[in-house]
PDB file of all heavy atoms in Angstrom:
ATOM      1  N   SER A   1       0.816  -1.151  -0.030  1.00  0.00           N
ATOM      2  CA  SER A   1      -0.039  -0.010  -0.058  1.00  0.00           C
ATOM      3  C   SER A   1       0.886   1.304  -0.041  1.00  0.00           C
ATOM      4  O   SER A   1       2.036   1.286   0.521  1.00  0.00           O
ATOM      5  CB  SER A   1      -0.902   0.010   1.202  1.00  0.00           C
ATOM      6  OG  SER A   1      -0.191   0.355   2.330  1.00  0.00           O
ATOM      7  N   PRO A   2       0.413   2.387  -0.565  1.00  0.00           N
ATOM      8  CA  PRO A   2       1.137   3.595  -0.634  1.00  0.00           C
ATOM      9  C   PRO A   2       1.460   4.079   0.794  1.00  0.00           C
ATOM     10  O   PRO A   2       2.517   4.736   0.995  1.00  0.00           O
ATOM     11  CB  PRO A   2       0.225   4.530  -1.334  1.00  0.00           C
ATOM     12  CG  PRO A   2      -0.627   3.644  -2.140  1.00  0.00           C
ATOM     13  CD  PRO A   2      -0.819   2.506  -1.364  1.00  0.00           C
ATOM     14  N   TYR A   3       0.719   3.689   1.762  1.00  0.00           N
ATOM     15  CA  TYR A   3       0.859   4.231   3.127  1.00  0.00           C
ATOM     16  C   TYR A   3       2.185   3.768   3.669  1.00  0.00           C
ATOM     17  O   TYR A   3       2.919   4.455   4.405  1.00  0.00           O
ATOM     18  CB  TYR A   3      -0.301   3.719   4.062  1.00  0.00           C
ATOM     19  CG  TYR A   3      -0.217   4.332   5.470  1.00  0.00           C
ATOM     20  CD1 TYR A   3      -0.737   5.488   5.674  1.00  0.00           C
ATOM     21  CD2 TYR A   3       0.243   3.577   6.551  1.00  0.00           C
ATOM     22  CE1 TYR A   3      -0.662   6.077   7.005  1.00  0.00           C
ATOM     23  CE2 TYR A   3       0.342   4.095   7.741  1.00  0.00           C
ATOM     24  CZ  TYR A   3      -0.152   5.364   7.979  1.00  0.00           C
ATOM     25  OH  TYR A   3      -0.080   5.830   9.275  1.00  0.00           O
ATOM     26  N   TRP A   4       2.599   2.526   3.386  1.00  0.00           N
ATOM     27  CA  TRP A   4       3.837   1.895   3.881  1.00  0.00           C
ATOM     28  C   TRP A   4       5.001   2.000   2.917  1.00  0.00           C
ATOM     29  O   TRP A   4       6.141   1.773   3.337  1.00  0.00           O
ATOM     30  CB  TRP A   4       3.567   0.462   4.316  1.00  0.00           C
ATOM     31  CG  TRP A   4       2.586   0.262   5.396  1.00  0.00           C
ATOM     32  CD1 TRP A   4       1.329  -0.318   5.258  1.00  0.00           C
ATOM     33  CD2 TRP A   4       2.656   0.719   6.866  1.00  0.00           C
ATOM     34  NE1 TRP A   4       0.711  -0.337   6.575  1.00  0.00           N
ATOM     35  CE2 TRP A   4       1.487   0.364   7.449  1.00  0.00           C
ATOM     36  CE3 TRP A   4       3.668   1.452   7.501  1.00  0.00           C
ATOM     37  CZ2 TRP A   4       1.204   0.581   8.781  1.00  0.00           C
ATOM     38  CZ3 TRP A   4       3.414   1.691   8.775  1.00  0.00           C
ATOM     39  CH2 TRP A   4       2.205   1.271   9.497  1.00  0.00           C
ATOM     40  N   GLY A   5       4.699   2.162   1.617  1.00  0.00           N
ATOM     41  CA  GLY A   5       5.751   1.983   0.611  1.00  0.00           C
ATOM     42  C   GLY A   5       7.008   2.693   0.859  1.00  0.00           C
ATOM     43  O   GLY A   5       8.128   2.169   0.744  1.00  0.00           O
ATOM     44  N   LYS A   6       6.977   3.995   1.100  1.00  0.00           N
ATOM     45  CA  LYS A   6       8.142   4.776   1.290  1.00  0.00           C
ATOM     46  C   LYS A   6       8.983   4.339   2.519  1.00  0.00           C
ATOM     47  O   LYS A   6      10.256   4.216   2.425  1.00  0.00           O
ATOM     48  CB  LYS A   6       7.835   6.273   1.494  1.00  0.00           C
ATOM     49  CG  LYS A   6       9.076   7.132   1.853  1.00  0.00           C
ATOM     50  CD  LYS A   6       8.591   8.620   2.021  1.00  0.00           C
ATOM     51  CE  LYS A   6       9.780   9.424   2.521  1.00  0.00           C
ATOM     52  NZ  LYS A   6      10.928   9.510   1.636  1.00  0.00           N
ATOM     53  N   PHE A   7       8.252   3.947   3.550  1.00  0.00           N
ATOM     54  CA  PHE A   7       8.988   3.637   4.822  1.00  0.00           C
ATOM     55  C   PHE A   7       9.617   2.241   4.776  1.00  0.00           C
ATOM     56  O   PHE A   7      10.761   2.062   5.340  1.00  0.00           O
ATOM     57  CB  PHE A   7       8.013   3.818   5.932  1.00  0.00           C
ATOM     58  CG  PHE A   7       7.375   5.221   6.103  1.00  0.00           C
ATOM     59  CD1 PHE A   7       6.163   5.408   5.541  1.00  0.00           C
ATOM     60  CD2 PHE A   7       8.180   6.173   6.595  1.00  0.00           C
ATOM     61  CE1 PHE A   7       5.674   6.686   5.697  1.00  0.00           C
ATOM     62  CE2 PHE A   7       7.668   7.483   6.660  1.00  0.00           C
ATOM     63  CZ  PHE A   7       6.350   7.758   6.104  1.00  0.00           C
ATOM     64  N   ILE A   8       8.993   1.284   4.100  1.00  0.00           N
ATOM     65  CA  ILE A   8       9.553  -0.082   4.011  1.00  0.00           C
ATOM     66  C   ILE A   8      10.856   0.018   3.185  1.00  0.00           C
ATOM     67  O   ILE A   8      11.726  -0.809   3.234  1.00  0.00           O
ATOM     68  CB  ILE A   8       8.548  -1.119   3.579  1.00  0.00           C
ATOM     69  CG1 ILE A   8       9.142  -2.542   3.889  1.00  0.00           C
ATOM     70  CG2 ILE A   8       8.211  -0.972   2.143  1.00  0.00           C
ATOM     71  CD1 ILE A   8       9.460  -2.844   5.293  1.00  0.00           C
ATOM     72  N   ARG A   9      10.891   0.939   2.249  1.00  0.00           N
ATOM     73  CA  ARG A   9      12.047   1.136   1.402  1.00  0.00           C
ATOM     74  C   ARG A   9      13.179   1.972   2.050  1.00  0.00           C
ATOM     75  O   ARG A   9      14.292   1.681   1.890  1.00  0.00           O
ATOM     76  CB  ARG A   9      11.697   1.791   0.017  1.00  0.00           C
ATOM     77  CG  ARG A   9      10.891   1.057  -0.875  1.00  0.00           C
ATOM     78  CD  ARG A   9      10.754   1.659  -2.309  1.00  0.00           C
ATOM     79  NE  ARG A   9      10.328   3.090  -2.223  1.00  0.00           N
ATOM     80  CZ  ARG A   9       9.156   3.510  -2.284  1.00  0.00           C
ATOM     81  NH1 ARG A   9       8.163   2.587  -2.373  1.00  0.00           N
ATOM     82  NH2 ARG A   9       8.917   4.794  -2.289  1.00  0.00           N
ATOM     83  N   GLU A  10      12.811   2.962   2.866  1.00  0.00           N
ATOM     84  CA  GLU A  10      13.774   3.944   3.257  1.00  0.00           C
ATOM     85  C   GLU A  10      13.897   4.104   4.811  1.00  0.00           C
ATOM     86  O   GLU A  10      14.823   4.764   5.233  1.00  0.00           O
ATOM     87  CB  GLU A  10      13.438   5.295   2.634  1.00  0.00           C
ATOM     88  CG  GLU A  10      13.413   5.311   1.097  1.00  0.00           C
ATOM     89  CD  GLU A  10      13.115   6.652   0.543  1.00  0.00           C
ATOM     90  OE1 GLU A  10      13.238   7.654   1.288  1.00  0.00           O
ATOM     91  OE2 GLU A  10      12.732   6.686  -0.652  1.00  0.00           O
ATOM     92  N   ARG A  11      13.018   3.588   5.489  1.00  0.00           N
ATOM     93  CA  ARG A  11      13.021   3.839   6.968  1.00  0.00           C
ATOM     94  C   ARG A  11      12.834   2.548   7.798  1.00  0.00           C
ATOM     95  O   ARG A  11      11.993   2.419   8.585  1.00  0.00           O
ATOM     96  CB  ARG A  11      11.937   4.854   7.419  1.00  0.00           C
ATOM     97  CG  ARG A  11      12.069   6.226   6.736  1.00  0.00           C
ATOM     98  CD  ARG A  11      13.266   6.987   7.345  1.00  0.00           C
ATOM     99  NE  ARG A  11      13.348   8.380   6.884  1.00  0.00           N
ATOM    100  CZ  ARG A  11      14.041   8.661   5.777  1.00  0.00           C
ATOM    101  NH1 ARG A  11      14.666   7.764   5.066  1.00  0.00           N
ATOM    102  NH2 ARG A  11      14.106   9.989   5.443  1.00  0.00           N
ATOM    103  N   ARG A  12      13.660   1.564   7.508  1.00  0.00           N
ATOM    104  CA  ARG A  12      13.636   0.307   8.220  1.00  0.00           C
ATOM    105  C   ARG A  12      14.485   0.361   9.519  1.00  0.00           C
ATOM    106  O   ARG A  12      15.443   1.054   9.546  1.00  0.00           O
ATOM    107  CB  ARG A  12      14.194  -0.855   7.313  1.00  0.00           C
ATOM    108  CG  ARG A  12      13.307  -1.064   6.084  1.00  0.00           C
ATOM    109  CD  ARG A  12      13.708  -2.300   5.339  1.00  0.00           C
ATOM    110  NE  ARG A  12      14.971  -2.129   4.779  1.00  0.00           N
ATOM    111  CZ  ARG A  12      15.329  -1.732   3.430  1.00  0.00           C
ATOM    112  NH1 ARG A  12      14.271  -1.390   2.727  1.00  0.00           N
ATOM    113  NH2 ARG A  12      16.475  -1.627   3.055  1.00  0.00           N
ATOM    114  N   ALA A  13      13.966  -0.460  10.517  1.00  0.00           N
ATOM    115  CA  ALA A  13      14.695  -0.420  11.815  1.00  0.00           C
ATOM    116  C   ALA A  13      14.673  -1.774  12.348  1.00  0.00           C
ATOM    117  O   ALA A  13      13.953  -2.692  11.865  1.00  0.00           O
ATOM    118  CB  ALA A  13      14.058   0.577  12.753  1.00  0.00           C
ATOM    119  N   VAL A  14      15.368  -1.992  13.555  1.00  0.00           N
ATOM    120  CA  VAL A  14      15.486  -3.310  14.162  1.00  0.00           C
ATOM    121  C   VAL A  14      15.101  -3.174  15.589  1.00  0.00           C
ATOM    122  O   VAL A  14      15.566  -2.235  16.338  1.00  0.00           O
ATOM    123  CB  VAL A  14      16.890  -3.855  14.061  1.00  0.00           C
ATOM    124  CG1 VAL A  14      17.044  -5.198  14.765  1.00  0.00           C
ATOM    125  CG2 VAL A  14      17.312  -3.954  12.595  1.00  0.00           C
ATOM    126  N   VAL A  15      14.170  -4.027  16.068  1.00  0.00           N
ATOM    127  CA  VAL A  15      13.840  -4.185  17.506  1.00  0.00           C
ATOM    128  C   VAL A  15      14.603  -5.312  18.031  1.00  0.00           C
ATOM    129  O   VAL A  15      14.609  -6.444  17.507  1.00  0.00           O
ATOM    130  CB  VAL A  15      12.410  -4.442  17.655  1.00  0.00           C
ATOM    131  CG1 VAL A  15      12.006  -4.430  19.208  1.00  0.00           C
ATOM    132  CG2 VAL A  15      11.505  -3.360  16.997  1.00  0.00           C
ATOM    133  N   VAL A  16      15.324  -5.144  19.189  1.00  0.00           N
ATOM    134  CA  VAL A  16      15.987  -6.244  19.871  1.00  0.00           C
ATOM    135  C   VAL A  16      15.047  -6.694  21.023  1.00  0.00           C
ATOM    136  O   VAL A  16      14.575  -5.791  21.805  1.00  0.00           O
ATOM    137  CB  VAL A  16      17.369  -5.791  20.443  1.00  0.00           C
ATOM    138  CG1 VAL A  16      18.092  -6.981  21.146  1.00  0.00           C
ATOM    139  CG2 VAL A  16      18.216  -5.173  19.348  1.00  0.00           C
ATOM    140  N   ALA A  17      14.757  -7.937  21.122  1.00  0.00           N
ATOM    141  CA  ALA A  17      13.815  -8.435  22.095  1.00  0.00           C
ATOM    142  C   ALA A  17      14.320  -9.797  22.712  1.00  0.00           C
ATOM    143  O   ALA A  17      15.207 -10.444  22.136  1.00  0.00           O
ATOM    144  CB  ALA A  17      12.476  -8.671  21.466  1.00  0.00           C
ATOM    145  N   THR A  18      13.762 -10.056  23.912  1.00  0.00           N
ATOM    146  CA  THR A  18      14.011 -11.396  24.510  1.00  0.00           C
ATOM    147  C   THR A  18      12.775 -12.219  24.573  1.00  0.00           C
ATOM    148  O   THR A  18      12.748 -13.364  25.061  1.00  0.00           O
ATOM    149  CB  THR A  18      14.711 -11.270  25.852  1.00  0.00           C
ATOM    150  OG1 THR A  18      13.931 -10.368  26.666  1.00  0.00           O
ATOM    151  CG2 THR A  18      16.124 -10.685  25.688  1.00  0.00           C
ATOM    152  N   ALA A  19      11.643 -11.626  24.192  1.00  0.00           N
ATOM    153  CA  ALA A  19      10.393 -12.329  24.147  1.00  0.00           C
ATOM    154  C   ALA A  19       9.364 -11.510  23.469  1.00  0.00           C
ATOM    155  O   ALA A  19       9.493 -10.305  23.310  1.00  0.00           O
ATOM    156  CB  ALA A  19       9.814 -12.632  25.632  1.00  0.00           C
ATOM    157  N   VAL A  20       8.323 -12.165  22.892  1.00  0.00           N
ATOM    158  CA  VAL A  20       7.134 -11.570  22.224  1.00  0.00           C
ATOM    159  C   VAL A  20       5.889 -12.228  22.837  1.00  0.00           C
ATOM    160  O   VAL A  20       5.923 -13.371  23.335  1.00  0.00           O
ATOM    161  CB  VAL A  20       7.189 -11.586  20.719  1.00  0.00           C
ATOM    162  CG1 VAL A  20       8.364 -10.873  20.130  1.00  0.00           C
ATOM    163  CG2 VAL A  20       7.224 -13.132  20.207  1.00  0.00           C
ATOM    164  N   GLY A  21       4.781 -11.488  22.695  1.00  0.00           N
ATOM    165  CA  GLY A  21       3.462 -11.987  23.123  1.00  0.00           C
ATOM    166  C   GLY A  21       2.583 -11.991  21.904  1.00  0.00           C
ATOM    167  O   GLY A  21       2.467 -11.058  21.248  1.00  0.00           O
ATOM    168  N   GLU A  22       1.891 -13.103  21.815  1.00  0.00           N
ATOM    169  CA  GLU A  22       0.853 -13.226  20.704  1.00  0.00           C
ATOM    170  C   GLU A  22      -0.471 -13.822  21.275  1.00  0.00           C
ATOM    171  O   GLU A  22      -0.439 -14.468  22.409  1.00  0.00           O
ATOM    172  CB  GLU A  22       1.315 -14.196  19.633  1.00  0.00           C
ATOM    173  CG  GLU A  22       2.499 -13.620  18.944  1.00  0.00           C
ATOM    174  CD  GLU A  22       2.119 -12.538  17.961  1.00  0.00           C
ATOM    175  OE1 GLU A  22       1.040 -12.066  17.961  1.00  0.00           O
ATOM    176  OE2 GLU A  22       2.992 -12.108  17.127  1.00  0.00           O
ATOM    177  N   SER A  23      -1.542 -13.571  20.720  1.00  0.00           N
ATOM    178  CA  SER A  23      -2.915 -14.038  21.058  1.00  0.00           C
ATOM    179  C   SER A  23      -3.716 -14.633  20.038  1.00  0.00           C
ATOM    180  O   SER A  23      -3.523 -14.260  18.880  1.00  0.00           O
ATOM    181  CB  SER A  23      -3.665 -12.811  21.726  1.00  0.00           C
ATOM    182  OG  SER A  23      -2.940 -12.256  22.751  1.00  0.00           O
ATOM    183  N   ASN A  24      -4.602 -15.528  20.428  1.00  0.00           N
ATOM    184  CA  ASN A  24      -5.524 -16.120  19.517  1.00  0.00           C
ATOM    185  C   ASN A  24      -6.938 -16.126  20.113  1.00  0.00           C
ATOM    186  O   ASN A  24      -7.035 -16.289  21.397  1.00  0.00           O
ATOM    187  CB  ASN A  24      -5.152 -17.521  19.116  1.00  0.00           C
ATOM    188  CG  ASN A  24      -4.625 -17.630  17.674  1.00  0.00           C
ATOM    189  OD1 ASN A  24      -4.693 -16.687  16.927  1.00  0.00           O
ATOM    190  ND2 ASN A  24      -3.994 -18.754  17.365  1.00  0.00           N
ATOM    191  N   PRO A  25      -7.949 -16.081  19.411  1.00  0.00           N
ATOM    192  CA  PRO A  25      -9.400 -16.138  19.984  1.00  0.00           C
ATOM    193  C   PRO A  25      -9.593 -17.470  20.675  1.00  0.00           C
ATOM    194  O   PRO A  25      -9.080 -18.479  20.239  1.00  0.00           O
ATOM    195  CB  PRO A  25     -10.209 -16.052  18.719  1.00  0.00           C
ATOM    196  CG  PRO A  25      -9.381 -15.331  17.720  1.00  0.00           C
ATOM    197  CD  PRO A  25      -8.057 -15.825  17.955  1.00  0.00           C
ATOM    198  N   LEU A  26     -10.243 -17.431  21.847  1.00  0.00           N
ATOM    199  CA  LEU A  26     -10.602 -18.645  22.590  1.00  0.00           C
ATOM    200  C   LEU A  26     -11.933 -18.291  23.298  1.00  0.00           C
ATOM    201  O   LEU A  26     -11.987 -17.501  24.196  1.00  0.00           O
ATOM    202  CB  LEU A  26      -9.497 -19.002  23.603  1.00  0.00           C
ATOM    203  CG  LEU A  26      -9.828 -20.210  24.404  1.00  0.00           C
ATOM    204  CD1 LEU A  26      -9.745 -21.423  23.422  1.00  0.00           C
ATOM    205  CD2 LEU A  26      -8.742 -20.368  25.559  1.00  0.00           C
ATOM    206  N   GLY A  27     -13.018 -19.005  22.731  1.00  0.00           N
ATOM    207  CA  GLY A  27     -14.358 -18.778  23.291  1.00  0.00           C
ATOM    208  C   GLY A  27     -14.757 -17.308  23.087  1.00  0.00           C
ATOM    209  O   GLY A  27     -14.649 -16.781  22.002  1.00  0.00           O
ATOM    210  N   LYS A  28     -15.148 -16.647  24.155  1.00  0.00           N
ATOM    211  CA  LYS A  28     -15.499 -15.254  23.975  1.00  0.00           C
ATOM    212  C   LYS A  28     -14.367 -14.357  24.333  1.00  0.00           C
ATOM    213  O   LYS A  28     -14.466 -13.043  24.313  1.00  0.00           O
ATOM    214  CB  LYS A  28     -16.623 -14.969  25.016  1.00  0.00           C
ATOM    215  CG  LYS A  28     -17.977 -15.695  24.683  1.00  0.00           C
ATOM    216  CD  LYS A  28     -19.014 -15.277  25.674  1.00  0.00           C
ATOM    217  CE  LYS A  28     -20.322 -15.981  25.311  1.00  0.00           C
ATOM    218  NZ  LYS A  28     -21.470 -15.612  26.230  1.00  0.00           N
ATOM    219  N   GLY A  29     -13.139 -14.893  24.642  1.00  0.00           N
ATOM    220  CA  GLY A  29     -11.993 -14.099  24.956  1.00  0.00           C
ATOM    221  C   GLY A  29     -10.822 -14.478  24.096  1.00  0.00           C
ATOM    222  O   GLY A  29     -10.955 -14.766  22.933  1.00  0.00           O
ATOM    223  N   LYS A  30      -9.628 -14.368  24.674  1.00  0.00           N
ATOM    224  CA  LYS A  30      -8.404 -14.653  23.899  1.00  0.00           C
ATOM    225  C   LYS A  30      -7.414 -15.450  24.796  1.00  0.00           C
ATOM    226  O   LYS A  30      -7.423 -15.344  26.013  1.00  0.00           O
ATOM    227  CB  LYS A  30      -7.658 -13.361  23.517  1.00  0.00           C
ATOM    228  CG  LYS A  30      -8.360 -12.582  22.335  1.00  0.00           C
ATOM    229  CD  LYS A  30      -7.468 -11.443  21.910  1.00  0.00           C
ATOM    230  CE  LYS A  30      -8.075 -10.762  20.695  1.00  0.00           C
ATOM    231  NZ  LYS A  30      -7.246  -9.620  20.186  1.00  0.00           N
ATOM    232  N   ALA A  31      -6.637 -16.340  24.203  1.00  0.00           N
ATOM    233  CA  ALA A  31      -5.629 -16.965  24.913  1.00  0.00           C
ATOM    234  C   ALA A  31      -4.304 -16.257  24.540  1.00  0.00           C
ATOM    235  O   ALA A  31      -4.068 -15.945  23.430  1.00  0.00           O
ATOM    236  CB  ALA A  31      -5.512 -18.443  24.323  1.00  0.00           C
ATOM    237  N   HIS A  32      -3.536 -15.982  25.566  1.00  0.00           N
ATOM    238  CA  HIS A  32      -2.298 -15.214  25.438  1.00  0.00           C
ATOM    239  C   HIS A  32      -1.086 -16.135  25.597  1.00  0.00           C
ATOM    240  O   HIS A  32      -1.024 -16.960  26.481  1.00  0.00           O
ATOM    241  CB  HIS A  32      -2.249 -14.070  26.472  1.00  0.00           C
ATOM    242  CG  HIS A  32      -3.392 -13.211  26.465  1.00  0.00           C
ATOM    243  ND1 HIS A  32      -3.631 -12.334  25.359  1.00  0.00           N
ATOM    244  CD2 HIS A  32      -4.362 -13.011  27.344  1.00  0.00           C
ATOM    245  CE1 HIS A  32      -4.733 -11.619  25.680  1.00  0.00           C
ATOM    246  NE2 HIS A  32      -5.202 -12.047  26.847  1.00  0.00           N
ATOM    247  N   TYR A  33      -0.169 -15.922  24.690  1.00  0.00           N
ATOM    248  CA  TYR A  33       0.968 -16.787  24.649  1.00  0.00           C
ATOM    249  C   TYR A  33       2.356 -15.993  24.756  1.00  0.00           C
ATOM    250  O   TYR A  33       2.512 -15.041  23.910  1.00  0.00           O
ATOM    251  CB  TYR A  33       1.051 -17.686  23.426  1.00  0.00           C
ATOM    252  CG  TYR A  33      -0.080 -18.595  23.170  1.00  0.00           C
ATOM    253  CD1 TYR A  33      -1.179 -18.134  22.379  1.00  0.00           C
ATOM    254  CD2 TYR A  33      -0.232 -19.803  23.822  1.00  0.00           C
ATOM    255  CE1 TYR A  33      -2.361 -18.944  22.193  1.00  0.00           C
ATOM    256  CE2 TYR A  33      -1.358 -20.555  23.659  1.00  0.00           C
ATOM    257  CZ  TYR A  33      -2.374 -20.158  22.840  1.00  0.00           C
ATOM    258  OH  TYR A  33      -3.581 -20.877  22.729  1.00  0.00           O
ATOM    259  N   LEU A  34       3.169 -16.271  25.708  1.00  0.00           N
ATOM    260  CA  LEU A  34       4.474 -15.718  25.880  1.00  0.00           C
ATOM    261  C   LEU A  34       5.416 -16.590  25.199  1.00  0.00           C
ATOM    262  O   LEU A  34       5.570 -17.687  25.417  1.00  0.00           O
ATOM    263  CB  LEU A  34       4.842 -15.526  27.313  1.00  0.00           C
ATOM    264  CG  LEU A  34       6.065 -14.625  27.580  1.00  0.00           C
ATOM    265  CD1 LEU A  34       5.912 -13.184  27.038  1.00  0.00           C
ATOM    266  CD2 LEU A  34       6.402 -14.666  29.039  1.00  0.00           C
ATOM    267  N   MET A  35       6.217 -16.003  24.218  1.00  0.00           N
ATOM    268  CA  MET A  35       7.104 -16.778  23.409  1.00  0.00           C
ATOM    269  C   MET A  35       8.515 -16.244  23.598  1.00  0.00           C
ATOM    270  O   MET A  35       8.891 -15.123  23.331  1.00  0.00           O
ATOM    271  CB  MET A  35       6.675 -16.579  21.886  1.00  0.00           C
ATOM    272  CG  MET A  35       5.246 -16.722  21.670  1.00  0.00           C
ATOM    273  SD  MET A  35       4.691 -16.511  19.894  1.00  0.00           S
ATOM    274  CE  MET A  35       5.343 -18.124  19.240  1.00  0.00           C
ATOM    275  N   LYS A  36       9.354 -17.208  24.241  1.00  0.00           N
ATOM    276  CA  LYS A  36      10.700 -16.857  24.425  1.00  0.00           C
ATOM    277  C   LYS A  36      11.666 -17.863  23.796  1.00  0.00           C
ATOM    278  O   LYS A  36      11.434 -19.066  23.623  1.00  0.00           O
ATOM    279  CB  LYS A  36      10.985 -17.039  26.016  1.00  0.00           C
ATOM    280  CG  LYS A  36      10.166 -16.135  26.904  1.00  0.00           C
ATOM    281  CD  LYS A  36      10.634 -16.373  28.414  1.00  0.00           C
ATOM    282  CE  LYS A  36       9.847 -15.333  29.278  1.00  0.00           C
ATOM    283  NZ  LYS A  36      10.221 -15.556  30.674  1.00  0.00           N
ATOM    284  N   PRO A  37      12.691 -17.263  23.086  1.00  0.00           N
ATOM    285  CA  PRO A  37      13.797 -18.163  22.559  1.00  0.00           C
ATOM    286  C   PRO A  37      14.347 -19.089  23.614  1.00  0.00           C
ATOM    287  O   PRO A  37      14.536 -18.642  24.722  1.00  0.00           O
ATOM    288  CB  PRO A  37      14.701 -17.211  21.936  1.00  0.00           C
ATOM    289  CG  PRO A  37      14.555 -15.937  22.658  1.00  0.00           C
ATOM    290  CD  PRO A  37      13.125 -15.885  23.088  1.00  0.00           C
ATOM    291  N   THR A  38      14.536 -20.372  23.191  1.00  0.00           N
ATOM    292  CA  THR A  38      15.227 -21.272  24.181  1.00  0.00           C
ATOM    293  C   THR A  38      16.717 -20.861  24.408  1.00  0.00           C
ATOM    294  O   THR A  38      17.190 -21.223  25.416  1.00  0.00           O
ATOM    295  CB  THR A  38      15.144 -22.709  23.688  1.00  0.00           C
ATOM    296  OG1 THR A  38      15.777 -22.684  22.265  1.00  0.00           O
ATOM    297  CG2 THR A  38      13.764 -23.168  23.538  1.00  0.00           C
ATOM    298  N   SER A  39      17.252 -20.110  23.494  1.00  0.00           N
ATOM    299  CA  SER A  39      18.572 -19.584  23.742  1.00  0.00           C
ATOM    300  C   SER A  39      18.700 -18.338  22.836  1.00  0.00           C
ATOM    301  O   SER A  39      18.131 -18.175  21.771  1.00  0.00           O
ATOM    302  CB  SER A  39      19.671 -20.567  23.358  1.00  0.00           C
ATOM    303  OG  SER A  39      19.651 -20.815  21.941  1.00  0.00           O
ATOM    304  N   GLY A  40      19.511 -17.338  23.365  1.00  0.00           N
ATOM    305  CA  GLY A  40      19.712 -16.181  22.570  1.00  0.00           C
ATOM    306  C   GLY A  40      18.604 -15.159  22.696  1.00  0.00           C
ATOM    307  O   GLY A  40      17.610 -15.266  23.496  1.00  0.00           O
ATOM    308  N   ALA A  41      18.718 -14.125  21.811  1.00  0.00           N
ATOM    309  CA  ALA A  41      17.641 -13.038  21.785  1.00  0.00           C
ATOM    310  C   ALA A  41      17.074 -13.041  20.353  1.00  0.00           C
ATOM    311  O   ALA A  41      17.311 -13.927  19.542  1.00  0.00           O
ATOM    312  CB  ALA A  41      18.297 -11.644  22.080  1.00  0.00           C
ATOM    313  N   LEU A  42      16.260 -12.051  20.073  1.00  0.00           N
ATOM    314  CA  LEU A  42      15.365 -11.969  18.901  1.00  0.00           C
ATOM    315  C   LEU A  42      15.670 -10.567  18.189  1.00  0.00           C
ATOM    316  O   LEU A  42      15.971  -9.569  18.856  1.00  0.00           O
ATOM    317  CB  LEU A  42      14.018 -12.112  19.101  1.00  0.00           C
ATOM    318  CG  LEU A  42      13.462 -13.220  19.895  1.00  0.00           C
ATOM    319  CD1 LEU A  42      12.001 -12.959  20.342  1.00  0.00           C
ATOM    320  CD2 LEU A  42      13.542 -14.495  19.070  1.00  0.00           C
ATOM    321  N   LEU A  43      15.627 -10.563  16.892  1.00  0.00           N
ATOM    322  CA  LEU A  43      15.630  -9.348  16.152  1.00  0.00           C
ATOM    323  C   LEU A  43      14.306  -9.317  15.307  1.00  0.00           C
ATOM    324  O   LEU A  43      13.982 -10.302  14.643  1.00  0.00           O
ATOM    325  CB  LEU A  43      16.819  -9.296  15.173  1.00  0.00           C
ATOM    326  CG  LEU A  43      18.150  -9.359  15.809  1.00  0.00           C
ATOM    327  CD1 LEU A  43      19.325  -9.448  14.688  1.00  0.00           C
ATOM    328  CD2 LEU A  43      18.397  -8.193  16.840  1.00  0.00           C
ATOM    329  N   ILE A  44      13.665  -8.189  15.334  1.00  0.00           N
ATOM    330  CA  ILE A  44      12.311  -7.996  14.606  1.00  0.00           C
ATOM    331  C   ILE A  44      12.406  -6.751  13.800  1.00  0.00           C
ATOM    332  O   ILE A  44      12.822  -5.699  14.234  1.00  0.00           O
ATOM    333  CB  ILE A  44      11.179  -7.863  15.657  1.00  0.00           C
ATOM    334  CG1 ILE A  44      11.213  -8.980  16.619  1.00  0.00           C
ATOM    335  CG2 ILE A  44       9.855  -7.765  14.914  1.00  0.00           C
ATOM    336  CD1 ILE A  44      10.244  -8.853  17.805  1.00  0.00           C
ATOM    337  N   GLY A  45      11.863  -6.872  12.570  1.00  0.00           N
ATOM    338  CA  GLY A  45      11.909  -5.688  11.645  1.00  0.00           C
ATOM    339  C   GLY A  45      10.820  -4.696  11.947  1.00  0.00           C
ATOM    340  O   GLY A  45       9.763  -5.087  12.473  1.00  0.00           O
TER     341      GLY A  45
END
């Protein structure tokens, strides 16, 4: 999309992390999952 086009080409960055959190629907709510690497850290665009 034009909204992201310039920035994905010219303004990329890196997040350093040791865990992320993700969720999925479960019943009327959500299940939350903490995701940690078994070793090392993470890099996210």
